[in-house]
PDB file of N, CA and C in Angstrom:
ATOM      1  N   GLY A   1     -70.991 -16.633-122.365  1.00  0.00           N
ATOM      2  CA  GLY A   1     -72.277 -16.848-121.835  1.00  0.00           C
ATOM      3  C   GLY A   1     -73.378 -17.613-122.326  1.00  0.00           C
ATOM      4  N   ALA A   2     -73.368 -17.221-123.605  1.00  0.00           N
ATOM      5  CA  ALA A   2     -74.710 -17.779-124.400  1.00  0.00           C
ATOM      6  C   ALA A   2     -74.232 -19.267-124.591  1.00  0.00           C
ATOM      7  N   LEU A   3     -72.872 -19.588-124.930  1.00  0.00           N
ATOM      8  CA  LEU A   3     -72.587 -20.849-125.272  1.00  0.00           C
ATOM      9  C   LEU A   3     -72.540 -21.937-124.029  1.00  0.00           C
ATOM     10  N   CYS A   4     -72.233 -21.043-122.855  1.00  0.00           N
ATOM     11  CA  CYS A   4     -72.353 -22.136-121.314  1.00  0.00           C
ATOM     12  C   CYS A   4     -73.940 -21.990-121.464  1.00  0.00           C
ATOM     13  N   ALA A   5     -74.772 -20.870-121.353  1.00  0.00           N
ATOM     14  CA  ALA A   5     -76.277 -21.410-121.037  1.00  0.00           C
ATOM     15  C   ALA A   5     -76.707 -22.793-122.107  1.00  0.00           C
ATOM     16  N   ALA A   6     -76.328 -22.451-123.405  1.00  0.00           N
ATOM     17  CA  ALA A   6     -76.644 -23.673-124.222  1.00  0.00           C
ATOM     18  C   ALA A   6     -76.224 -25.098-123.742  1.00  0.00           C
ATOM     19  N   ALA A   7     -74.874 -24.983-123.411  1.00  0.00           N
ATOM     20  CA  ALA A   7     -73.889 -26.407-123.008  1.00  0.00           C
ATOM     21  C   ALA A   7     -74.565 -27.095-121.998  1.00  0.00           C
ATOM     22  N   TYR A   8     -75.300 -26.283-121.038  1.00  0.00           N
ATOM     23  CA  TYR A   8     -75.988 -26.604-119.693  1.00  0.00           C
ATOM     24  C   TYR A   8     -77.324 -27.093-120.122  1.00  0.00           C
ATOM     25  N   GLY A   9     -77.826 -26.195-121.034  1.00  0.00           N
ATOM     26  CA  GLY A   9     -79.200 -26.773-121.489  1.00  0.00           C
ATOM     27  C   GLY A   9     -79.495 -28.004-122.119  1.00  0.00           C
ATOM     28  N   GLY A  10     -78.641 -28.202-123.025  1.00  0.00           N
ATOM     29  CA  GLY A  10     -78.236 -29.631-123.631  1.00  0.00           C
ATOM     30  C   GLY A  10     -78.054 -30.436-122.602  1.00  0.00           C
ATOM     31  N   ALA A  11     -77.207 -30.255-121.765  1.00  0.00           N
ATOM     32  CA  ALA A  11     -76.534 -31.364-120.618  1.00  0.00           C
ATOM     33  C   ALA A  11     -77.887 -31.774-119.805  1.00  0.00           C
ATOM     34  N   ALA A  12     -79.011 -30.867-119.723  1.00  0.00           N
ATOM     35  CA  ALA A  12     -80.097 -31.329-118.946  1.00  0.00           C
ATOM     36  C   ALA A  12     -80.954 -31.995-119.650  1.00  0.00           C
ATOM     37  N   PHE A  13     -80.976 -31.588-121.069  1.00  0.00           N
ATOM     38  CA  PHE A  13     -81.790 -32.534-121.926  1.00  0.00           C
ATOM     39  C   PHE A  13     -81.209 -33.825-121.782  1.00  0.00           C
ATOM     40  N   ALA A  14     -79.851 -33.992-122.415  1.00  0.00           N
ATOM     41  CA  ALA A  14     -79.260 -35.370-122.150  1.00  0.00           C
ATOM     42  C   ALA A  14     -79.226 -36.271-121.118  1.00  0.00           C
ATOM     43  N   VAL A  15     -79.505 -35.819-119.900  1.00  0.00           N
ATOM     44  CA  VAL A  15     -79.457 -36.432-118.771  1.00  0.00           C
ATOM     45  C   VAL A  15     -80.942 -36.845-118.863  1.00  0.00           C
ATOM     46  N   GLN A  16     -81.779 -36.136-119.187  1.00  0.00           N
ATOM     47  CA  GLN A  16     -83.382 -36.368-119.392  1.00  0.00           C
ATOM     48  C   GLN A  16     -83.316 -37.893-120.220  1.00  0.00           C
ATOM     49  N   LEU A  17     -82.689 -37.698-121.214  1.00  0.00           N
ATOM     50  CA  LEU A  17     -83.004 -38.626-122.449  1.00  0.00           C
ATOM     51  C   LEU A  17     -81.619 -39.688-122.009  1.00  0.00           C
ATOM     52  N   ARG A  18     -81.025 -39.746-120.877  1.00  0.00           N
ATOM     53  CA  ARG A  18     -79.820 -40.497-120.759  1.00  0.00           C
ATOM     54  C   ARG A  18     -79.111 -40.939-121.939  1.00  0.00           C
ATOM     55  N   ALA A  19     -78.543 -39.847-122.400  1.00  0.00           N
ATOM     56  CA  ALA A  19     -77.957 -39.878-124.070  1.00  0.00           C
ATOM     57  C   ALA A  19     -76.341 -39.297-123.165  1.00  0.00           C
ATOM     58  N   LYS A  20     -75.658 -40.508-123.104  1.00  0.00           N
ATOM     59  CA  LYS A  20     -73.847 -40.162-122.421  1.00  0.00           C
ATOM     60  C   LYS A  20     -73.286 -39.332-123.681  1.00  0.00           C
ATOM     61  N   ASP A  21     -73.315 -39.807-124.599  1.00  0.00           N
ATOM     62  CA  ASP A  21     -72.646 -39.300-125.877  1.00  0.00           C
ATOM     63  C   ASP A  21     -73.037 -37.662-125.831  1.00  0.00           C
ATOM     64  N   ALA A  22     -74.273 -37.111-125.920  1.00  0.00           N
ATOM     65  CA  ALA A  22     -74.220 -36.001-125.624  1.00  0.00           C
ATOM     66  C   ALA A  22     -74.373 -35.254-124.477  1.00  0.00           C
ATOM     67  N   PHE A  23     -74.296 -36.100-123.635  1.00  0.00           N
ATOM     68  CA  PHE A  23     -74.056 -35.198-122.479  1.00  0.00           C
ATOM     69  C   PHE A  23     -72.308 -34.290-122.368  1.00  0.00           C
ATOM     70  N   TYR A  24     -71.632 -35.556-122.818  1.00  0.00           N
ATOM     71  CA  TYR A  24     -70.444 -35.307-122.990  1.00  0.00           C
ATOM     72  C   TYR A  24     -69.800 -34.415-123.905  1.00  0.00           C
ATOM     73  N   ALA A  25     -70.709 -34.230-125.208  1.00  0.00           N
ATOM     74  CA  ALA A  25     -70.436 -33.189-125.918  1.00  0.00           C
ATOM     75  C   ALA A  25     -70.832 -31.864-125.401  1.00  0.00           C
ATOM     76  N   CYS A  26     -71.934 -31.941-124.606  1.00  0.00           N
ATOM     77  CA  CYS A  26     -72.393 -30.512-123.973  1.00  0.00           C
ATOM     78  C   CYS A  26     -71.293 -30.167-123.052  1.00  0.00           C
ATOM     79  N   LEU A  27     -70.731 -31.089-122.300  1.00  0.00           N
ATOM     80  CA  LEU A  27     -69.505 -30.637-121.510  1.00  0.00           C
ATOM     81  C   LEU A  27     -68.267 -30.005-121.852  1.00  0.00           C
ATOM     82  N   SER A  28     -68.013 -31.014-123.215  1.00  0.00           N
ATOM     83  CA  SER A  28     -66.925 -30.220-124.063  1.00  0.00           C
ATOM     84  C   SER A  28     -67.430 -28.871-124.479  1.00  0.00           C
ATOM     85  N   ALA A  29     -68.482 -28.695-125.088  1.00  0.00           N
ATOM     86  CA  ALA A  29     -68.554 -27.483-125.218  1.00  0.00           C
ATOM     87  C   ALA A  29     -68.501 -26.205-124.266  1.00  0.00           C
ATOM     88  N   TRP A  30     -69.307 -26.711-122.891  1.00  0.00           N
ATOM     89  CA  TRP A  30     -69.277 -25.755-121.601  1.00  0.00           C
ATOM     90  C   TRP A  30     -67.544 -25.523-121.170  1.00  0.00           C
ATOM     91  N   ALA A  31     -66.881 -26.670-121.516  1.00  0.00           N
ATOM     92  CA  ALA A  31     -65.471 -26.530-121.316  1.00  0.00           C
ATOM     93  C   ALA A  31     -64.825 -25.373-121.871  1.00  0.00           C
ATOM     94  N   LEU A  32     -64.908 -25.485-123.474  1.00  0.00           N
ATOM     95  CA  LEU A  32     -64.707 -24.447-124.554  1.00  0.00           C
ATOM     96  C   LEU A  32     -65.110 -23.278-124.056  1.00  0.00           C
ATOM     97  N   ALA A  33     -66.051 -23.195-123.938  1.00  0.00           N
ATOM     98  CA  ALA A  33     -66.772 -21.867-123.663  1.00  0.00           C
ATOM     99  C   ALA A  33     -66.395 -20.955-122.289  1.00  0.00           C
ATOM    100  N   ALA A  34     -66.034 -21.710-121.544  1.00  0.00           N
ATOM    101  CA  ALA A  34     -65.549 -21.323-120.042  1.00  0.00           C
ATOM    102  C   ALA A  34     -64.163 -20.987-120.391  1.00  0.00           C
ATOM    103  N   ALA A  35     -63.080 -21.634-121.077  1.00  0.00           N
ATOM    104  CA  ALA A  35     -61.950 -21.052-121.365  1.00  0.00           C
ATOM    105  C   ALA A  35     -61.637 -20.040-122.096  1.00  0.00           C
ATOM    106  N   VAL A  36     -62.897 -19.706-122.856  1.00  0.00           N
ATOM    107  CA  VAL A  36     -62.598 -18.579-123.522  1.00  0.00           C
ATOM    108  C   VAL A  36     -63.125 -17.425-122.966  1.00  0.00           C
ATOM    109  N   LYS A  37     -64.415 -17.536-122.046  1.00  0.00           N
ATOM    110  CA  LYS A  37     -64.947 -16.437-121.341  1.00  0.00           C
ATOM    111  C   LYS A  37     -64.151 -16.145-120.141  1.00  0.00           C
ATOM    112  N   SER A  38     -63.448 -16.646-119.484  1.00  0.00           N
ATOM    113  CA  SER A  38     -62.511 -15.730-118.250  1.00  0.00           C
ATOM    114  C   SER A  38     -61.441 -14.570-119.186  1.00  0.00           C
ATOM    115  N   PRO A  39     -60.972 -15.094-120.147  1.00  0.00           N
ATOM    116  CA  PRO A  39     -59.935 -14.098-120.569  1.00  0.00           C
ATOM    117  C   PRO A  39     -60.656 -12.904-121.472  1.00  0.00           C
ATOM    118  N   ALA A  40     -61.869 -13.448-121.919  1.00  0.00           N
ATOM    119  CA  ALA A  40     -62.544 -12.430-122.560  1.00  0.00           C
ATOM    120  C   ALA A  40     -63.470 -11.538-121.457  1.00  0.00           C
ATOM    121  N   LEU A  41     -63.633 -11.688-120.691  1.00  0.00           N
ATOM    122  CA  LEU A  41     -63.988 -10.661-119.468  1.00  0.00           C
ATOM    123  C   LEU A  41     -63.292  -9.997-118.800  1.00  0.00           C
ATOM    124  N   GLN A  42     -61.986 -10.787-118.553  1.00  0.00           N
ATOM    125  CA  GLN A  42     -60.780  -9.804-118.061  1.00  0.00           C
ATOM    126  C   GLN A  42     -60.368  -8.960-119.227  1.00  0.00           C
ATOM    127  N   SER A  43     -60.478  -9.402-120.460  1.00  0.00           N
ATOM    128  CA  SER A  43     -60.122  -7.858-121.180  1.00  0.00           C
ATOM    129  C   SER A  43     -60.946  -7.179-121.050  1.00  0.00           C
ATOM    130  N   PHE A  44     -62.264  -7.408-121.333  1.00  0.00           N
ATOM    131  CA  PHE A  44     -63.396  -6.372-121.496  1.00  0.00           C
ATOM    132  C   PHE A  44     -63.357  -5.714-120.338  1.00  0.00           C
ATOM    133  N   ALA A  45     -62.909  -5.912-119.010  1.00  0.00           N
ATOM    134  CA  ALA A  45     -62.960  -5.215-117.746  1.00  0.00           C
ATOM    135  C   ALA A  45     -61.815  -4.591-118.038  1.00  0.00           C
ATOM    136  N   MET A  46     -60.781  -4.847-118.514  1.00  0.00           N
ATOM    137  CA  MET A  46     -59.535  -3.712-118.934  1.00  0.00           C
ATOM    138  C   MET A  46     -59.990  -2.611-119.444  1.00  0.00           C
ATOM    139  N   GLU A  47     -60.514  -2.766-120.554  1.00  0.00           N
ATOM    140  CA  GLU A  47     -60.826  -1.804-121.499  1.00  0.00           C
ATOM    141  C   GLU A  47     -62.104  -0.978-121.289  1.00  0.00           C
ATOM    142  N   VAL A  48     -62.846  -1.195-120.418  1.00  0.00           N
ATOM    143  CA  VAL A  48     -63.380  -0.081-119.880  1.00  0.00           C
ATOM    144  C   VAL A  48     -63.557   0.651-118.652  1.00  0.00           C
ATOM    145  N   ALA A  49     -62.713  -0.324-117.799  1.00  0.00           N
ATOM    146  CA  ALA A  49     -62.448   0.452-116.250  1.00  0.00           C
ATOM    147  C   ALA A  49     -61.488   1.797-116.480  1.00  0.00           C
ATOM    148  N   PRO A  50     -61.575   2.637-115.842  1.00  0.00           N
ATOM    149  CA  PRO A  50     -60.703   4.083-115.525  1.00  0.00           C
ATOM    150  C   PRO A  50     -59.765   3.516-115.052  1.00  0.00           C
ATOM    151  N   SER A  51     -58.070   3.653-115.566  1.00  0.00           N
ATOM    152  CA  SER A  51     -56.886   3.550-115.303  1.00  0.00           C
ATOM    153  C   SER A  51     -56.449   3.299-114.028  1.00  0.00           C
ATOM    154  N   GLU A  52     -57.337   4.103-113.118  1.00  0.00           N
ATOM    155  CA  GLU A  52     -57.382   4.290-111.283  1.00  0.00           C
ATOM    156  C   GLU A  52     -57.903   2.965-110.934  1.00  0.00           C
ATOM    157  N   ARG A  53     -58.487   2.515-111.437  1.00  0.00           N
ATOM    158  CA  ARG A  53     -59.479   1.489-111.180  1.00  0.00           C
ATOM    159  C   ARG A  53     -59.286  -0.007-111.726  1.00  0.00           C
ATOM    160  N   ARG A  54     -57.903  -0.156-112.441  1.00  0.00           N
ATOM    161  CA  ARG A  54     -58.143  -1.584-113.202  1.00  0.00           C
ATOM    162  C   ARG A  54     -57.435  -2.539-112.469  1.00  0.00           C
ATOM    163  N   GLY A  55     -57.164  -2.566-111.286  1.00  0.00           N
ATOM    164  CA  GLY A  55     -56.457  -3.503-110.209  1.00  0.00           C
ATOM    165  C   GLY A  55     -58.269  -3.939-109.833  1.00  0.00           C
ATOM    166  N   THR A  56     -58.915  -3.249-109.451  1.00  0.00           N
ATOM    167  CA  THR A  56     -60.409  -3.939-109.118  1.00  0.00           C
ATOM    168  C   THR A  56     -60.815  -4.384-110.175  1.00  0.00           C
ATOM    169  N   ALA A  57     -60.933  -3.741-111.513  1.00  0.00           N
ATOM    170  CA  ALA A  57     -61.313  -4.340-112.531  1.00  0.00           C
ATOM    171  C   ALA A  57     -60.903  -5.921-112.691  1.00  0.00           C
ATOM    172  N   LEU A  58     -59.830  -6.090-112.472  1.00  0.00           N
ATOM    173  CA  LEU A  58     -58.919  -7.317-112.909  1.00  0.00           C
ATOM    174  C   LEU A  58     -59.152  -8.720-111.538  1.00  0.00           C
ATOM    175  N   SER A  59     -59.415  -7.806-110.361  1.00  0.00           N
ATOM    176  CA  SER A  59     -59.825  -8.717-109.409  1.00  0.00           C
ATOM    177  C   SER A  59     -61.409  -8.942-108.890  1.00  0.00           C
ATOM    178  N   VAL A  60     -62.202  -8.061-109.285  1.00  0.00           N
ATOM    179  CA  VAL A  60     -63.943  -8.556-109.323  1.00  0.00           C
ATOM    180  C   VAL A  60     -63.923  -9.675-110.102  1.00  0.00           C
ATOM    181  N   PRO A  61     -63.545  -9.837-111.186  1.00  0.00           N
ATOM    182  CA  PRO A  61     -64.369 -11.220-111.995  1.00  0.00           C
ATOM    183  C   PRO A  61     -63.501 -12.324-111.318  1.00  0.00           C
ATOM    184  N   LYS A  62     -62.518 -12.383-110.907  1.00  0.00           N
ATOM    185  CA  LYS A  62     -61.619 -13.230-110.378  1.00  0.00           C
ATOM    186  C   LYS A  62     -62.420 -14.062-108.999  1.00  0.00           C
ATOM    187  N   VAL A  63     -62.428 -12.893-108.174  1.00  0.00           N
ATOM    188  CA  VAL A  63     -62.899 -13.258-107.042  1.00  0.00           C
ATOM    189  C   VAL A  63     -64.528 -13.333-106.795  1.00  0.00           C
ATOM    190  N   VAL A  64     -65.308 -13.130-108.020  1.00  0.00           N
ATOM    191  CA  VAL A  64     -66.874 -13.574-108.035  1.00  0.00           C
ATOM    192  C   VAL A  64     -66.888 -15.131-108.542  1.00  0.00           C
ATOM    193  N   GLY A  65     -65.998 -15.272-109.799  1.00  0.00           N
ATOM    194  CA  GLY A  65     -65.825 -16.634-110.007  1.00  0.00           C
ATOM    195  C   GLY A  65     -65.272 -17.915-108.936  1.00  0.00           C
ATOM    196  N   ASP A  66     -64.236 -17.173-108.130  1.00  0.00           N
ATOM    197  CA  ASP A  66     -63.831 -18.274-106.758  1.00  0.00           C
ATOM    198  C   ASP A  66     -64.683 -18.203-106.298  1.00  0.00           C
ATOM    199  N   PHE A  67     -65.596 -17.331-106.123  1.00  0.00           N
ATOM    200  CA  PHE A  67     -66.871 -17.577-104.739  1.00  0.00           C
ATOM    201  C   PHE A  67     -68.047 -18.650-105.622  1.00  0.00           C
ATOM    202  N   ALA A  68     -68.231 -18.207-107.052  1.00  0.00           N
ATOM    203  CA  ALA A  68     -69.166 -19.151-107.577  1.00  0.00           C
ATOM    204  C   ALA A  68     -68.326 -20.793-107.213  1.00  0.00           C
ATOM    205  N   PHE A  69     -67.225 -20.779-107.400  1.00  0.00           N
ATOM    206  CA  PHE A  69     -66.617 -22.499-107.586  1.00  0.00           C
ATOM    207  C   PHE A  69     -66.797 -22.674-106.318  1.00  0.00           C
ATOM    208  N   LEU A  70     -66.946 -22.148-105.126  1.00  0.00           N
ATOM    209  CA  LEU A  70     -66.945 -22.690-103.570  1.00  0.00           C
ATOM    210  C   LEU A  70     -68.591 -22.954-103.443  1.00  0.00           C
ATOM    211  N   VAL A  71     -69.378 -22.141-103.975  1.00  0.00           N
ATOM    212  CA  VAL A  71     -70.808 -22.121-103.157  1.00  0.00           C
ATOM    213  C   VAL A  71     -71.530 -23.233-104.350  1.00  0.00           C
ATOM    214  N   ALA A  72     -71.490 -23.022-105.450  1.00  0.00           N
ATOM    215  CA  ALA A  72     -72.268 -23.448-106.799  1.00  0.00           C
ATOM    216  C   ALA A  72     -72.213 -25.010-106.505  1.00  0.00           C
ATOM    217  N   PRO A  73     -71.198 -25.771-106.190  1.00  0.00           N
ATOM    218  CA  PRO A  73     -71.229 -27.114-106.278  1.00  0.00           C
ATOM    219  C   PRO A  73     -72.371 -27.789-104.751  1.00  0.00           C
ATOM    220  N   PHE A  74     -72.197 -27.128-103.917  1.00  0.00           N
ATOM    221  CA  PHE A  74     -72.935 -27.219-102.524  1.00  0.00           C
ATOM    222  C   PHE A  74     -74.344 -27.164-103.259  1.00  0.00           C
ATOM    223  N   LEU A  75     -74.767 -25.834-103.586  1.00  0.00           N
ATOM    224  CA  LEU A  75     -76.094 -25.831-104.030  1.00  0.00           C
ATOM    225  C   LEU A  75     -76.379 -26.565-105.069  1.00  0.00           C
ATOM    226  N   LEU A  76     -75.762 -26.663-106.077  1.00  0.00           N
ATOM    227  CA  LEU A  76     -76.214 -27.564-107.528  1.00  0.00           C
ATOM    228  C   LEU A  76     -76.737 -29.197-106.645  1.00  0.00           C
ATOM    229  N   GLY A  77     -75.645 -29.402-105.716  1.00  0.00           N
ATOM    230  CA  GLY A  77     -75.789 -30.740-105.193  1.00  0.00           C
ATOM    231  C   GLY A  77     -77.195 -30.843-104.228  1.00  0.00           C
ATOM    232  N   VAL A  78     -77.336 -29.880-103.503  1.00  0.00           N
ATOM    233  CA  VAL A  78     -78.708 -29.633-103.286  1.00  0.00           C
ATOM    234  C   VAL A  78     -79.858 -29.991-104.029  1.00  0.00           C
ATOM    235  N   ILE A  79     -79.906 -29.114-105.458  1.00  0.00           N
ATOM    236  CA  ILE A  79     -80.832 -29.016-106.226  1.00  0.00           C
ATOM    237  C   ILE A  79     -81.152 -30.553-106.843  1.00  0.00           C
ATOM    238  N   SER A  80     -79.706 -31.172-107.427  1.00  0.00           N
ATOM    239  CA  SER A  80     -79.876 -32.378-107.731  1.00  0.00           C
ATOM    240  C   SER A  80     -80.298 -33.391-107.202  1.00  0.00           C
ATOM    241  N   ASP A  81     -80.296 -33.452-105.504  1.00  0.00           N
ATOM    242  CA  ASP A  81     -80.451 -34.531-104.550  1.00  0.00           C
ATOM    243  C   ASP A  81     -82.246 -34.240-104.451  1.00  0.00           C
ATOM    244  N   GLN A  82     -82.515 -33.012-104.485  1.00  0.00           N
ATOM    245  CA  GLN A  82     -84.146 -32.825-104.223  1.00  0.00           C
ATOM    246  C   GLN A  82     -84.710 -32.825-105.419  1.00  0.00           C
ATOM    247  N   LEU A  83     -84.402 -32.065-106.732  1.00  0.00           N
ATOM    248  CA  LEU A  83     -85.063 -32.141-107.796  1.00  0.00           C
ATOM    249  C   LEU A  83     -84.781 -33.053-109.309  1.00  0.00           C
ATOM    250  N   GLY A  84     -83.321 -33.426-109.376  1.00  0.00           N
ATOM    251  CA  GLY A  84     -82.664 -34.249-110.325  1.00  0.00           C
ATOM    252  C   GLY A  84     -81.506 -33.397-111.137  1.00  0.00           C
ATOM    253  N   PRO A  85     -80.702 -34.361-111.274  1.00  0.00           N
ATOM    254  CA  PRO A  85     -79.489 -33.466-112.109  1.00  0.00           C
ATOM    255  C   PRO A  85     -80.111 -32.584-113.258  1.00  0.00           C
ATOM    256  N   ASP A  86     -81.042 -33.101-113.973  1.00  0.00           N
ATOM    257  CA  ASP A  86     -81.487 -32.361-114.941  1.00  0.00           C
ATOM    258  C   ASP A  86     -81.922 -30.960-114.491  1.00  0.00           C
ATOM    259  N   VAL A  87     -82.731 -30.674-113.410  1.00  0.00           N
ATOM    260  CA  VAL A  87     -82.996 -29.547-112.934  1.00  0.00           C
ATOM    261  C   VAL A  87     -81.979 -28.553-112.405  1.00  0.00           C
ATOM    262  N   ALA A  88     -80.652 -29.375-111.754  1.00  0.00           N
ATOM    263  CA  ALA A  88     -79.924 -28.291-111.575  1.00  0.00           C
ATOM    264  C   ALA A  88     -78.942 -28.102-112.800  1.00  0.00           C
ATOM    265  N   LEU A  89     -78.641 -29.295-113.950  1.00  0.00           N
ATOM    266  CA  LEU A  89     -78.391 -28.162-114.762  1.00  0.00           C
ATOM    267  C   LEU A  89     -79.019 -27.075-115.729  1.00  0.00           C
ATOM    268  N   ALA A  90     -80.360 -27.391-115.525  1.00  0.00           N
ATOM    269  CA  ALA A  90     -81.259 -26.262-116.070  1.00  0.00           C
ATOM    270  C   ALA A  90     -81.087 -25.262-115.348  1.00  0.00           C
ATOM    271  N   SER A  91     -80.742 -25.135-113.955  1.00  0.00           N
ATOM    272  CA  SER A  91     -80.817 -23.899-113.273  1.00  0.00           C
ATOM    273  C   SER A  91     -79.181 -23.461-113.654  1.00  0.00           C
ATOM    274  N   CYS A  92     -78.546 -23.944-113.877  1.00  0.00           N
ATOM    275  CA  CYS A  92     -77.062 -23.135-114.341  1.00  0.00           C
ATOM    276  C   CYS A  92     -77.490 -22.748-115.512  1.00  0.00           C
ATOM    277  N   ALA A  93     -78.064 -23.459-116.775  1.00  0.00           N
ATOM    278  CA  ALA A  93     -78.150 -22.665-117.965  1.00  0.00           C
ATOM    279  C   ALA A  93     -79.189 -21.632-117.857  1.00  0.00           C
ATOM    280  N   ALA A  94     -79.947 -21.179-116.725  1.00  0.00           N
ATOM    281  CA  ALA A  94     -81.073 -20.153-116.494  1.00  0.00           C
ATOM    282  C   ALA A  94     -80.015 -19.155-115.886  1.00  0.00           C
ATOM    283  N   VAL A  95     -79.122 -19.227-114.942  1.00  0.00           N
ATOM    284  CA  VAL A  95     -78.285 -18.332-114.520  1.00  0.00           C
ATOM    285  C   VAL A  95     -77.382 -17.713-115.525  1.00  0.00           C
ATOM    286  N   PHE A  96     -76.702 -18.743-116.615  1.00  0.00           N
ATOM    287  CA  PHE A  96     -75.935 -18.129-117.782  1.00  0.00           C
ATOM    288  C   PHE A  96     -76.583 -17.292-118.349  1.00  0.00           C
ATOM    289  N   ALA A  97     -77.754 -17.816-118.847  1.00  0.00           N
ATOM    290  CA  ALA A  97     -78.685 -16.963-119.796  1.00  0.00           C
ATOM    291  C   ALA A  97     -79.123 -15.581-119.118  1.00  0.00           C
ATOM    292  N   ALA A  98     -79.188 -15.486-118.004  1.00  0.00           N
ATOM    293  CA  ALA A  98     -79.677 -14.081-117.200  1.00  0.00           C
ATOM    294  C   ALA A  98     -78.639 -13.323-117.204  1.00  0.00           C
ATOM    295  N   GLY A  99     -77.459 -13.737-117.308  1.00  0.00           N
ATOM    296  CA  GLY A  99     -75.964 -13.076-116.846  1.00  0.00           C
ATOM    297  C   GLY A  99     -75.925 -12.593-118.251  1.00  0.00           C
ATOM    298  N   THR A 100     -75.929 -13.343-119.238  1.00  0.00           N
ATOM    299  CA  THR A 100     -75.615 -12.903-120.519  1.00  0.00           C
ATOM    300  C   THR A 100     -76.372 -11.964-121.234  1.00  0.00           C
ATOM    301  N   ALA A 101     -77.539 -11.852-120.732  1.00  0.00           N
ATOM    302  CA  ALA A 101     -78.646 -10.696-121.029  1.00  0.00           C
ATOM    303  C   ALA A 101     -78.282  -9.550-120.272  1.00  0.00           C
ATOM    304  N   VAL A 102     -77.977  -9.540-119.237  1.00  0.00           N
ATOM    305  CA  VAL A 102     -77.946  -8.481-118.490  1.00  0.00           C
ATOM    306  C   VAL A 102     -76.532  -7.945-118.901  1.00  0.00           C
ATOM    307  N   PHE A 103     -75.294  -8.370-119.471  1.00  0.00           N
ATOM    308  CA  PHE A 103     -73.965  -8.090-119.790  1.00  0.00           C
ATOM    309  C   PHE A 103     -74.403  -7.583-121.305  1.00  0.00           C
ATOM    310  N   VAL A 104     -75.103  -7.732-121.866  1.00  0.00           N
ATOM    311  CA  VAL A 104     -75.152  -7.652-123.062  1.00  0.00           C
ATOM    312  C   VAL A 104     -76.468  -6.132-122.890  1.00  0.00           C
ATOM    313  N   ALA A 105     -77.329  -5.907-122.576  1.00  0.00           N
ATOM    314  CA  ALA A 105     -77.996  -5.040-122.326  1.00  0.00           C
ATOM    315  C   ALA A 105     -77.268  -4.220-121.633  1.00  0.00           C
ATOM    316  N   LYS A 106     -76.037  -4.329-120.829  1.00  0.00           N
ATOM    317  CA  LYS A 106     -75.103  -3.198-120.220  1.00  0.00           C
ATOM    318  C   LYS A 106     -74.362  -2.475-121.060  1.00  0.00           C
ATOM    319  N   THR A 107     -74.077  -3.461-121.923  1.00  0.00           N
ATOM    320  CA  THR A 107     -72.696  -3.208-122.764  1.00  0.00           C
ATOM    321  C   THR A 107     -73.445  -2.551-124.041  1.00  0.00           C
ATOM    322  N   SER A 108     -74.842  -2.886-124.201  1.00  0.00           N
ATOM    323  CA  SER A 108     -75.371  -2.149-125.854  1.00  0.00           C
ATOM    324  C   SER A 108     -75.215  -0.636-125.952  1.00  0.00           C
TER     325      SER A 108
END
């Protein structure tokens, strides 16, 4: 989550600076973080869930993620149209940072 937040934040700055190579580097970092995040989240859910709730523990992150992929493009498009792509990317960074902070606080 923290790497996703950093990648989105960096992408927002890259858009402001019109730094295409930096933007692509940030997207690459986000892709790597996203690829690692999903299996790690499901593994963690399986580890902490009671045995009778493991099915739910596996399905909830997937359903929430799918819902986010359904709604986020529309919302980010509206934000980008109204406030600019850098604000849309910064809002992604803020959401990931907040989610990471909540996760860390609850698991510590």
